[in-house]
Amino acid sequence: MTNSSSTHPASEWEKDAQGLRTNPELALRLAAMAGHMRRDKIAARRAALIDLLADGRPHQREEIWETIATQLGEDCWGKLPQEALSRDLAVLRQGGIRIAYSRRPKAAGYYLQHPRLERPTIPLYEGINWELVEAISELSVREKNERAFAAAEFALRQKTLILSEEHPEWSKAKSEKAARSIVYGTSLK
C-alpha cells in the first residue's frame, strides 16, 4: 500500500532529502526512510509523530491522533489508538528521542525534550551592516516603533519559553515575570 498524498510525512522527508546536496549519504538515508514510510504504516505514523512534536510545544493525545489520522488516514491508529501511541512513544524513546509529558495547566501534553544547546561564542561586535542601517533609517517613526515593539515582544515570548523549560516547577506567571525582568531590565523606583 503506497500513499502519495502531499500531507503524508514521507513527502516532507523526500523534500528534505532532495535539499541535502552537500551530504549525499544523509540524503540517501532520508530518501530510503521516506520510501519505507510510504509502504509501512507504522513507520509513517512514527515519523509523523516526530514531525508533529518537533514544533516545540506540548500536544494532547487526542490532538496527536487527529493530526496524524488526517495525514495518514483514519485507520492509521488501528482499533486501540491509546496502545498504538504508547508503543510508538516507547519505540521512539528507545531509539534515543527524548519525549516527555508535561502536566502543566494550559501546557499539558507530549513534547520533545531537546538537549540543552551550548551557546556559541561570538565576538561582541561583528561589524556594522550598513545596508541594514540604511534600510532602518528610511523607515518612518511609526514603522521603527512597530518593529522595535515586535522585536521586544518576540524576545519576551522566547525568554518565557526558555525559562519555562529550564524551571518546569515555576508557574506561568513566575516564568513571565522573570522573562520580563531579563528582557526589559528591572525598573528603577
N, C-alpha and C. Protein backbone atom coordinates (compact mmCIF):
# COMPACT_ATOMS: atom_id res chain seq x y z
N MET A 1 0.84 -1.18 0.00
CA MET A 1 0.00 0.00 0.00
C MET A 1 0.88 1.24 0.00
N THR A 2 0.79 2.08 -0.99
CA THR A 2 1.57 3.31 -1.02
C THR A 2 0.63 4.49 -0.88
N ASN A 3 1.15 5.53 -0.31
CA ASN A 3 0.37 6.74 -0.10
C ASN A 3 1.15 7.89 -0.70
N SER A 4 0.59 8.55 -1.67
CA SER A 4 1.31 9.63 -2.34
C SER A 4 0.74 10.99 -1.97
N SER A 5 -0.08 11.06 -0.94
CA SER A 5 -0.68 12.32 -0.50
C SER A 5 0.39 13.32 -0.13
N SER A 6 0.13 14.60 -0.41
CA SER A 6 1.11 15.63 -0.07
C SER A 6 1.17 15.87 1.43
N THR A 7 0.18 15.39 2.20
CA THR A 7 0.23 15.53 3.64
C THR A 7 0.97 14.39 4.31
N HIS A 8 1.29 13.35 3.58
CA HIS A 8 1.99 12.19 4.13
C HIS A 8 3.38 12.64 4.58
N PRO A 9 3.85 12.19 5.75
CA PRO A 9 5.17 12.64 6.22
C PRO A 9 6.30 12.30 5.26
N ALA A 10 6.16 11.26 4.47
CA ALA A 10 7.21 10.90 3.52
C ALA A 10 7.45 12.02 2.51
N SER A 11 6.41 12.77 2.18
CA SER A 11 6.57 13.87 1.21
C SER A 11 7.57 14.90 1.73
N GLU A 12 7.45 15.26 3.00
CA GLU A 12 8.35 16.25 3.59
C GLU A 12 9.77 15.67 3.72
N TRP A 13 9.88 14.42 4.10
CA TRP A 13 11.20 13.79 4.23
C TRP A 13 11.88 13.69 2.86
N GLU A 14 11.10 13.42 1.80
CA GLU A 14 11.67 13.37 0.45
C GLU A 14 12.18 14.74 0.03
N LYS A 15 11.42 15.80 0.34
CA LYS A 15 11.87 17.16 0.03
C LYS A 15 13.17 17.48 0.76
N ASP A 16 13.24 17.08 2.05
CA ASP A 16 14.47 17.32 2.82
C ASP A 16 15.65 16.57 2.19
N ALA A 17 15.40 15.35 1.74
CA ALA A 17 16.47 14.56 1.12
C ALA A 17 16.98 15.24 -0.15
N GLN A 18 16.09 15.79 -0.93
CA GLN A 18 16.49 16.46 -2.17
C GLN A 18 17.28 17.73 -1.89
N GLY A 19 17.04 18.35 -0.74
CA GLY A 19 17.74 19.58 -0.39
C GLY A 19 19.12 19.36 0.20
N LEU A 20 19.51 18.13 0.44
CA LEU A 20 20.81 17.84 1.06
C LEU A 20 21.87 17.49 0.04
N ARG A 21 22.13 18.36 -0.86
CA ARG A 21 23.11 18.11 -1.90
C ARG A 21 24.54 18.06 -1.34
N THR A 22 24.78 18.74 -0.22
CA THR A 22 26.12 18.77 0.35
C THR A 22 26.43 17.51 1.15
N ASN A 23 25.41 16.72 1.49
CA ASN A 23 25.62 15.50 2.25
C ASN A 23 24.84 14.36 1.58
N PRO A 24 25.39 13.79 0.51
CA PRO A 24 24.65 12.78 -0.25
C PRO A 24 24.33 11.53 0.56
N GLU A 25 25.17 11.17 1.52
CA GLU A 25 24.90 9.98 2.33
C GLU A 25 23.65 10.19 3.19
N LEU A 26 23.54 11.36 3.81
CA LEU A 26 22.36 11.66 4.62
C LEU A 26 21.12 11.78 3.72
N ALA A 27 21.28 12.36 2.55
CA ALA A 27 20.16 12.47 1.61
C ALA A 27 19.67 11.08 1.21
N LEU A 28 20.58 10.17 0.98
CA LEU A 28 20.21 8.80 0.62
C LEU A 28 19.46 8.12 1.77
N ARG A 29 19.92 8.33 2.99
CA ARG A 29 19.25 7.74 4.15
C ARG A 29 17.83 8.29 4.30
N LEU A 30 17.68 9.61 4.17
CA LEU A 30 16.34 10.21 4.27
C LEU A 30 15.42 9.70 3.17
N ALA A 31 15.93 9.62 1.96
CA ALA A 31 15.12 9.14 0.83
C ALA A 31 14.70 7.68 1.06
N ALA A 32 15.62 6.86 1.56
CA ALA A 32 15.29 5.46 1.84
C ALA A 32 14.23 5.37 2.92
N MET A 33 14.35 6.18 3.96
CA MET A 33 13.36 6.17 5.03
C MET A 33 12.00 6.65 4.51
N ALA A 34 12.02 7.66 3.65
CA ALA A 34 10.76 8.15 3.08
C ALA A 34 10.08 7.06 2.26
N GLY A 35 10.86 6.32 1.48
CA GLY A 35 10.31 5.20 0.72
C GLY A 35 9.73 4.12 1.62
N HIS A 36 10.42 3.86 2.72
CA HIS A 36 9.92 2.88 3.69
C HIS A 36 8.61 3.36 4.31
N MET A 37 8.52 4.64 4.60
CA MET A 37 7.30 5.20 5.20
C MET A 37 6.10 5.07 4.27
N ARG A 38 6.34 5.13 2.99
CA ARG A 38 5.23 5.02 2.03
C ARG A 38 4.61 3.62 2.07
N ARG A 39 5.39 2.62 2.45
CA ARG A 39 4.91 1.24 2.46
C ARG A 39 4.54 0.72 3.85
N ASP A 40 5.12 1.30 4.88
CA ASP A 40 4.91 0.82 6.24
C ASP A 40 4.14 1.87 7.05
N LYS A 41 2.90 1.55 7.37
CA LYS A 41 2.03 2.49 8.08
C LYS A 41 2.58 2.85 9.45
N ILE A 42 3.20 1.91 10.14
CA ILE A 42 3.72 2.19 11.48
C ILE A 42 4.92 3.13 11.41
N ALA A 43 5.81 2.91 10.45
CA ALA A 43 6.96 3.80 10.27
C ALA A 43 6.48 5.20 9.91
N ALA A 44 5.46 5.29 9.06
CA ALA A 44 4.91 6.60 8.68
C ALA A 44 4.30 7.29 9.88
N ARG A 45 3.58 6.52 10.70
CA ARG A 45 2.93 7.09 11.89
C ARG A 45 3.98 7.63 12.86
N ARG A 46 5.06 6.89 13.04
CA ARG A 46 6.12 7.33 13.96
C ARG A 46 6.85 8.55 13.41
N ALA A 47 7.06 8.59 12.11
CA ALA A 47 7.70 9.77 11.50
C ALA A 47 6.78 10.99 11.64
N ALA A 48 5.49 10.79 11.44
CA ALA A 48 4.54 11.89 11.59
C ALA A 48 4.52 12.38 13.04
N LEU A 49 4.66 11.46 13.98
CA LEU A 49 4.69 11.83 15.40
C LEU A 49 5.92 12.68 15.70
N ILE A 50 7.08 12.28 15.17
CA ILE A 50 8.30 13.07 15.36
C ILE A 50 8.13 14.45 14.75
N ASP A 51 7.60 14.51 13.53
CA ASP A 51 7.40 15.80 12.87
C ASP A 51 6.45 16.69 13.67
N LEU A 52 5.39 16.13 14.22
CA LEU A 52 4.43 16.91 14.99
C LEU A 52 5.06 17.44 16.27
N LEU A 53 5.77 16.59 17.00
CA LEU A 53 6.35 17.00 18.27
C LEU A 53 7.53 17.96 18.09
N ALA A 54 8.10 17.99 16.90
CA ALA A 54 9.26 18.84 16.65
C ALA A 54 8.93 20.33 16.66
N ASP A 55 7.64 20.68 16.72
CA ASP A 55 7.29 22.10 16.72
C ASP A 55 7.56 22.78 18.06
N GLY A 56 7.96 21.98 19.07
CA GLY A 56 8.38 22.57 20.34
C GLY A 56 7.29 22.83 21.35
N ARG A 57 6.07 22.47 21.05
CA ARG A 57 5.01 22.70 22.03
C ARG A 57 4.35 21.38 22.41
N PRO A 58 3.73 21.32 23.59
CA PRO A 58 3.08 20.07 24.03
C PRO A 58 1.82 19.77 23.21
N HIS A 59 1.56 18.48 23.00
CA HIS A 59 0.38 18.02 22.25
C HIS A 59 -0.35 16.97 23.07
N GLN A 60 -1.65 17.14 23.23
CA GLN A 60 -2.50 16.15 23.90
C GLN A 60 -2.68 14.93 23.00
N ARG A 61 -3.01 13.79 23.62
CA ARG A 61 -3.20 12.55 22.85
C ARG A 61 -4.22 12.74 21.73
N GLU A 62 -5.36 13.33 22.05
CA GLU A 62 -6.42 13.48 21.06
C GLU A 62 -5.95 14.29 19.85
N GLU A 63 -5.19 15.35 20.12
CA GLU A 63 -4.65 16.17 19.03
C GLU A 63 -3.68 15.36 18.17
N ILE A 64 -2.84 14.56 18.82
CA ILE A 64 -1.90 13.71 18.09
C ILE A 64 -2.66 12.75 17.19
N TRP A 65 -3.66 12.07 17.76
CA TRP A 65 -4.44 11.11 16.98
C TRP A 65 -5.09 11.77 15.77
N GLU A 66 -5.74 12.91 15.99
CA GLU A 66 -6.46 13.59 14.90
C GLU A 66 -5.50 14.09 13.82
N THR A 67 -4.42 14.73 14.24
CA THR A 67 -3.47 15.31 13.28
C THR A 67 -2.86 14.23 12.39
N ILE A 68 -2.41 13.15 13.02
CA ILE A 68 -1.76 12.09 12.25
C ILE A 68 -2.77 11.32 11.41
N ALA A 69 -3.99 11.13 11.92
CA ALA A 69 -5.03 10.46 11.13
C ALA A 69 -5.38 11.29 9.90
N THR A 70 -5.31 12.61 10.02
CA THR A 70 -5.57 13.47 8.86
C THR A 70 -4.51 13.25 7.79
N GLN A 71 -3.28 13.03 8.21
CA GLN A 71 -2.19 12.83 7.26
C GLN A 71 -2.19 11.43 6.65
N LEU A 72 -2.48 10.42 7.48
CA LEU A 72 -2.28 9.04 7.04
C LEU A 72 -3.56 8.25 6.81
N GLY A 73 -4.68 8.78 7.24
CA GLY A 73 -5.94 8.05 7.11
C GLY A 73 -6.48 7.65 8.48
N GLU A 74 -7.80 7.54 8.55
CA GLU A 74 -8.47 7.26 9.82
C GLU A 74 -8.03 5.93 10.44
N ASP A 75 -7.62 4.97 9.64
CA ASP A 75 -7.28 3.65 10.17
C ASP A 75 -5.83 3.53 10.64
N CYS A 76 -5.07 4.61 10.62
CA CYS A 76 -3.64 4.51 10.92
C CYS A 76 -3.35 4.11 12.37
N TRP A 77 -4.28 4.36 13.29
CA TRP A 77 -4.05 4.02 14.69
C TRP A 77 -4.59 2.64 15.07
N GLY A 78 -5.32 2.01 14.18
CA GLY A 78 -5.87 0.70 14.48
C GLY A 78 -7.06 0.81 15.43
N LYS A 79 -7.39 -0.31 16.07
CA LYS A 79 -8.58 -0.35 16.95
C LYS A 79 -8.30 0.24 18.32
N LEU A 80 -7.05 0.27 18.74
CA LEU A 80 -6.71 0.78 20.07
C LEU A 80 -5.67 1.89 19.95
N PRO A 81 -6.12 3.11 19.63
CA PRO A 81 -5.17 4.21 19.42
C PRO A 81 -4.27 4.49 20.62
N GLN A 82 -4.82 4.36 21.83
CA GLN A 82 -4.02 4.65 23.02
C GLN A 82 -2.83 3.69 23.13
N GLU A 83 -3.07 2.41 22.85
CA GLU A 83 -1.98 1.43 22.89
C GLU A 83 -0.97 1.67 21.76
N ALA A 84 -1.47 2.02 20.58
CA ALA A 84 -0.57 2.29 19.45
C ALA A 84 0.33 3.48 19.76
N LEU A 85 -0.25 4.54 20.33
CA LEU A 85 0.55 5.71 20.68
C LEU A 85 1.57 5.36 21.75
N SER A 86 1.18 4.59 22.74
CA SER A 86 2.12 4.18 23.80
C SER A 86 3.28 3.38 23.22
N ARG A 87 2.98 2.45 22.30
CA ARG A 87 4.05 1.67 21.66
C ARG A 87 4.97 2.57 20.85
N ASP A 88 4.38 3.48 20.08
CA ASP A 88 5.18 4.39 19.26
C ASP A 88 6.11 5.23 20.12
N LEU A 89 5.58 5.77 21.22
CA LEU A 89 6.39 6.59 22.11
C LEU A 89 7.53 5.76 22.72
N ALA A 90 7.22 4.53 23.12
CA ALA A 90 8.25 3.66 23.71
C ALA A 90 9.36 3.36 22.71
N VAL A 91 8.99 3.04 21.47
CA VAL A 91 9.99 2.73 20.44
C VAL A 91 10.84 3.95 20.14
N LEU A 92 10.23 5.12 20.01
CA LEU A 92 10.99 6.33 19.72
C LEU A 92 11.94 6.66 20.87
N ARG A 93 11.46 6.49 22.10
CA ARG A 93 12.33 6.73 23.26
C ARG A 93 13.50 5.76 23.28
N GLN A 94 13.24 4.49 22.94
CA GLN A 94 14.32 3.51 22.89
C GLN A 94 15.34 3.88 21.82
N GLY A 95 14.89 4.55 20.80
CA GLY A 95 15.78 5.00 19.73
C GLY A 95 16.56 6.25 20.09
N GLY A 96 16.36 6.77 21.30
CA GLY A 96 17.12 7.93 21.74
C GLY A 96 16.41 9.26 21.61
N ILE A 97 15.17 9.25 21.17
CA ILE A 97 14.42 10.50 21.05
C ILE A 97 13.81 10.80 22.41
N ARG A 98 14.11 11.98 22.92
CA ARG A 98 13.68 12.35 24.27
C ARG A 98 12.28 12.96 24.22
N ILE A 99 11.29 12.13 24.49
CA ILE A 99 9.90 12.59 24.51
C ILE A 99 9.45 12.62 25.96
N ALA A 100 8.91 13.74 26.37
CA ALA A 100 8.43 13.90 27.75
C ALA A 100 6.96 14.26 27.73
N TYR A 101 6.37 14.31 28.92
CA TYR A 101 4.96 14.69 29.05
C TYR A 101 4.87 15.78 30.10
N SER A 102 4.21 16.87 29.75
CA SER A 102 4.00 17.99 30.66
C SER A 102 2.59 17.91 31.24
N ARG A 103 2.48 18.12 32.54
CA ARG A 103 1.18 18.14 33.20
C ARG A 103 0.77 19.57 33.58
N ARG A 104 1.54 20.53 33.14
CA ARG A 104 1.26 21.93 33.49
C ARG A 104 -0.05 22.39 32.86
N PRO A 105 -0.86 23.13 33.64
CA PRO A 105 -2.11 23.65 33.07
C PRO A 105 -1.82 24.51 31.84
N LYS A 106 -2.65 24.37 30.84
CA LYS A 106 -2.54 25.10 29.56
C LYS A 106 -1.28 24.76 28.78
N ALA A 107 -0.49 23.80 29.27
CA ALA A 107 0.70 23.36 28.54
C ALA A 107 0.89 21.86 28.76
N ALA A 108 -0.22 21.13 28.83
CA ALA A 108 -0.14 19.69 29.07
C ALA A 108 -0.01 18.96 27.74
N GLY A 109 0.75 17.87 27.76
CA GLY A 109 0.87 17.04 26.57
C GLY A 109 2.28 16.57 26.34
N TYR A 110 2.44 15.79 25.27
CA TYR A 110 3.74 15.24 24.89
C TYR A 110 4.53 16.29 24.12
N TYR A 111 5.85 16.29 24.35
CA TYR A 111 6.72 17.23 23.65
C TYR A 111 8.12 16.63 23.57
N LEU A 112 8.93 17.16 22.66
CA LEU A 112 10.32 16.72 22.54
C LEU A 112 11.16 17.48 23.55
N GLN A 113 11.97 16.76 24.31
CA GLN A 113 12.91 17.36 25.24
C GLN A 113 14.24 17.45 24.53
N HIS A 114 14.51 18.58 23.94
CA HIS A 114 15.77 18.73 23.22
C HIS A 114 16.89 18.90 24.23
N PRO A 115 18.05 18.33 23.95
CA PRO A 115 19.17 18.56 24.87
C PRO A 115 19.53 20.04 24.85
N ARG A 116 20.00 20.52 25.98
CA ARG A 116 20.41 21.93 26.04
C ARG A 116 21.55 22.16 25.07
N LEU A 117 21.46 23.23 24.36
CA LEU A 117 22.48 23.56 23.37
C LEU A 117 23.51 24.49 23.98
N GLU A 118 24.75 24.28 23.62
CA GLU A 118 25.81 25.17 24.06
C GLU A 118 25.70 26.46 23.27
N ARG A 119 25.85 27.57 23.96
CA ARG A 119 25.80 28.86 23.27
C ARG A 119 27.11 29.07 22.52
N PRO A 120 27.01 29.45 21.25
CA PRO A 120 28.24 29.69 20.50
C PRO A 120 28.92 30.96 21.02
N THR A 121 30.23 30.94 21.01
CA THR A 121 30.96 32.14 21.42
C THR A 121 31.11 33.02 20.19
N ILE A 122 30.57 34.21 20.28
CA ILE A 122 30.66 35.16 19.18
C ILE A 122 31.26 36.46 19.71
N PRO A 123 32.00 37.13 18.89
CA PRO A 123 32.56 38.40 19.35
C PRO A 123 31.43 39.40 19.63
N LEU A 124 31.70 40.34 20.52
CA LEU A 124 30.69 41.33 20.87
C LEU A 124 30.26 42.16 19.66
N TYR A 125 31.22 42.51 18.82
CA TYR A 125 30.89 43.33 17.66
C TYR A 125 31.39 42.62 16.41
N GLU A 126 30.45 42.24 15.55
CA GLU A 126 30.82 41.51 14.34
C GLU A 126 30.96 42.44 13.14
N GLY A 127 30.80 43.70 13.35
CA GLY A 127 30.84 44.64 12.25
C GLY A 127 29.48 45.26 12.04
N ILE A 128 29.44 46.28 11.27
CA ILE A 128 28.19 47.01 11.04
C ILE A 128 27.64 46.66 9.67
N ASN A 129 26.38 46.31 9.63
CA ASN A 129 25.69 46.02 8.39
C ASN A 129 25.10 47.34 7.89
N TRP A 130 25.83 48.02 7.02
CA TRP A 130 25.42 49.35 6.58
C TRP A 130 24.14 49.32 5.75
N GLU A 131 23.90 48.24 5.04
CA GLU A 131 22.64 48.13 4.28
C GLU A 131 21.45 48.14 5.22
N LEU A 132 21.58 47.41 6.32
CA LEU A 132 20.50 47.37 7.30
C LEU A 132 20.32 48.73 7.97
N VAL A 133 21.42 49.37 8.31
CA VAL A 133 21.35 50.71 8.92
C VAL A 133 20.63 51.68 7.98
N GLU A 134 20.96 51.60 6.69
CA GLU A 134 20.34 52.47 5.70
C GLU A 134 18.84 52.17 5.56
N ALA A 135 18.50 50.89 5.54
CA ALA A 135 17.10 50.50 5.41
C ALA A 135 16.29 50.97 6.62
N ILE A 136 16.86 50.86 7.80
CA ILE A 136 16.16 51.31 9.00
C ILE A 136 16.00 52.82 9.00
N SER A 137 17.02 53.54 8.55
CA SER A 137 16.94 55.00 8.54
C SER A 137 15.86 55.50 7.59
N GLU A 138 15.49 54.70 6.59
CA GLU A 138 14.45 55.10 5.65
C GLU A 138 13.04 54.84 6.16
N LEU A 139 12.92 54.11 7.27
CA LEU A 139 11.59 53.82 7.82
C LEU A 139 11.02 55.04 8.53
N SER A 140 9.70 55.11 8.57
CA SER A 140 9.05 56.18 9.32
C SER A 140 9.18 55.88 10.81
N VAL A 141 8.92 56.88 11.64
CA VAL A 141 8.99 56.70 13.09
C VAL A 141 8.01 55.60 13.52
N ARG A 142 6.81 55.61 12.95
CA ARG A 142 5.81 54.60 13.28
C ARG A 142 6.31 53.20 12.95
N GLU A 143 6.92 53.01 11.77
CA GLU A 143 7.44 51.70 11.37
C GLU A 143 8.59 51.26 12.28
N LYS A 144 9.46 52.21 12.63
CA LYS A 144 10.56 51.87 13.54
C LYS A 144 10.02 51.40 14.88
N ASN A 145 9.02 52.12 15.40
CA ASN A 145 8.42 51.73 16.68
C ASN A 145 7.75 50.36 16.59
N GLU A 146 7.01 50.12 15.51
CA GLU A 146 6.34 48.83 15.34
C GLU A 146 7.36 47.69 15.34
N ARG A 147 8.46 47.87 14.64
CA ARG A 147 9.49 46.82 14.58
C ARG A 147 10.17 46.63 15.93
N ALA A 148 10.42 47.74 16.62
CA ALA A 148 11.06 47.64 17.94
C ALA A 148 10.16 46.91 18.93
N PHE A 149 8.87 47.25 18.94
CA PHE A 149 7.94 46.60 19.86
C PHE A 149 7.74 45.13 19.49
N ALA A 150 7.71 44.82 18.20
CA ALA A 150 7.57 43.43 17.77
C ALA A 150 8.80 42.61 18.19
N ALA A 151 9.98 43.20 18.06
CA ALA A 151 11.21 42.50 18.46
C ALA A 151 11.22 42.26 19.97
N ALA A 152 10.79 43.26 20.73
CA ALA A 152 10.75 43.12 22.19
C ALA A 152 9.74 42.04 22.60
N GLU A 153 8.59 42.01 21.96
CA GLU A 153 7.57 41.01 22.26
C GLU A 153 8.07 39.61 21.92
N PHE A 154 8.76 39.49 20.78
CA PHE A 154 9.34 38.20 20.39
C PHE A 154 10.38 37.75 21.43
N ALA A 155 11.24 38.64 21.84
CA ALA A 155 12.27 38.31 22.83
C ALA A 155 11.62 37.87 24.14
N LEU A 156 10.55 38.54 24.54
CA LEU A 156 9.85 38.19 25.78
C LEU A 156 9.23 36.79 25.68
N ARG A 157 8.58 36.49 24.55
CA ARG A 157 7.98 35.15 24.37
C ARG A 157 9.05 34.07 24.39
N GLN A 158 10.17 34.30 23.70
CA GLN A 158 11.23 33.31 23.64
C GLN A 158 11.84 33.07 25.02
N LYS A 159 12.11 34.15 25.76
CA LYS A 159 12.72 34.01 27.08
C LYS A 159 11.75 33.31 28.03
N THR A 160 10.46 33.58 27.91
CA THR A 160 9.46 32.90 28.75
C THR A 160 9.47 31.40 28.46
N LEU A 161 9.52 31.02 27.18
CA LEU A 161 9.58 29.60 26.82
C LEU A 161 10.84 28.93 27.37
N ILE A 162 11.95 29.61 27.27
CA ILE A 162 13.22 29.05 27.75
C ILE A 162 13.17 28.87 29.26
N LEU A 163 12.69 29.88 29.98
CA LEU A 163 12.62 29.78 31.44
C LEU A 163 11.62 28.70 31.87
N SER A 164 10.52 28.55 31.14
CA SER A 164 9.54 27.51 31.46
C SER A 164 10.15 26.13 31.31
N GLU A 165 11.01 25.96 30.31
CA GLU A 165 11.66 24.66 30.11
C GLU A 165 12.74 24.43 31.15
N GLU A 166 13.50 25.47 31.48
CA GLU A 166 14.56 25.33 32.46
C GLU A 166 14.03 25.14 33.88
N HIS A 167 12.85 25.70 34.16
CA HIS A 167 12.26 25.65 35.50
C HIS A 167 10.81 25.16 35.41
N PRO A 168 10.60 23.86 35.16
CA PRO A 168 9.23 23.37 35.00
C PRO A 168 8.38 23.52 36.26
N GLU A 169 9.02 23.70 37.41
CA GLU A 169 8.27 23.85 38.65
C GLU A 169 7.67 25.25 38.80
N TRP A 170 8.14 26.21 38.00
CA TRP A 170 7.64 27.57 38.08
C TRP A 170 6.25 27.66 37.46
N SER A 171 5.44 28.56 37.99
CA SER A 171 4.14 28.83 37.38
C SER A 171 4.37 29.66 36.11
N LYS A 172 3.33 29.73 35.30
CA LYS A 172 3.44 30.52 34.06
C LYS A 172 3.69 31.99 34.40
N ALA A 173 3.01 32.49 35.44
CA ALA A 173 3.17 33.89 35.84
C ALA A 173 4.59 34.17 36.30
N LYS A 174 5.19 33.24 37.04
CA LYS A 174 6.56 33.44 37.53
C LYS A 174 7.54 33.43 36.36
N SER A 175 7.33 32.52 35.39
CA SER A 175 8.20 32.48 34.22
C SER A 175 8.10 33.79 33.43
N GLU A 176 6.88 34.28 33.26
CA GLU A 176 6.69 35.53 32.51
C GLU A 176 7.31 36.72 33.24
N LYS A 177 7.17 36.75 34.57
CA LYS A 177 7.74 37.85 35.36
C LYS A 177 9.27 37.85 35.26
N ALA A 178 9.87 36.68 35.39
CA ALA A 178 11.33 36.57 35.29
C ALA A 178 11.81 36.95 33.89
N ALA A 179 11.07 36.49 32.87
CA ALA A 179 11.44 36.83 31.48
C ALA A 179 11.33 38.33 31.25
N ARG A 180 10.27 38.93 31.75
CA ARG A 180 10.08 40.38 31.59
C ARG A 180 11.24 41.14 32.24
N SER A 181 11.67 40.67 33.41
CA SER A 181 12.77 41.32 34.12
C SER A 181 14.07 41.21 33.31
N ILE A 182 14.29 40.05 32.70
CA ILE A 182 15.52 39.84 31.93
C ILE A 182 15.49 40.64 30.63
N VAL A 183 14.35 40.61 29.92
CA VAL A 183 14.25 41.27 28.61
C VAL A 183 14.22 42.79 28.75
N TYR A 184 13.39 43.27 29.68
CA TYR A 184 13.21 44.73 29.81
C TYR A 184 14.07 45.34 30.90
N GLY A 185 14.71 44.51 31.71
CA GLY A 185 15.51 45.04 32.81
C GLY A 185 14.62 45.34 34.01
N THR A 186 15.23 45.58 35.13
CA THR A 186 14.46 45.90 36.32
C THR A 186 14.18 47.38 36.32
N SER A 187 12.98 47.74 36.73
CA SER A 187 12.61 49.16 36.73
C SER A 187 13.15 49.84 37.98
N LEU A 188 13.57 51.05 37.81
CA LEU A 188 14.05 51.86 38.94
C LEU A 188 12.85 52.55 39.57
N LYS A 189 12.77 52.49 40.88
CA LYS A 189 11.64 53.12 41.56
C LYS A 189 12.08 54.36 42.27
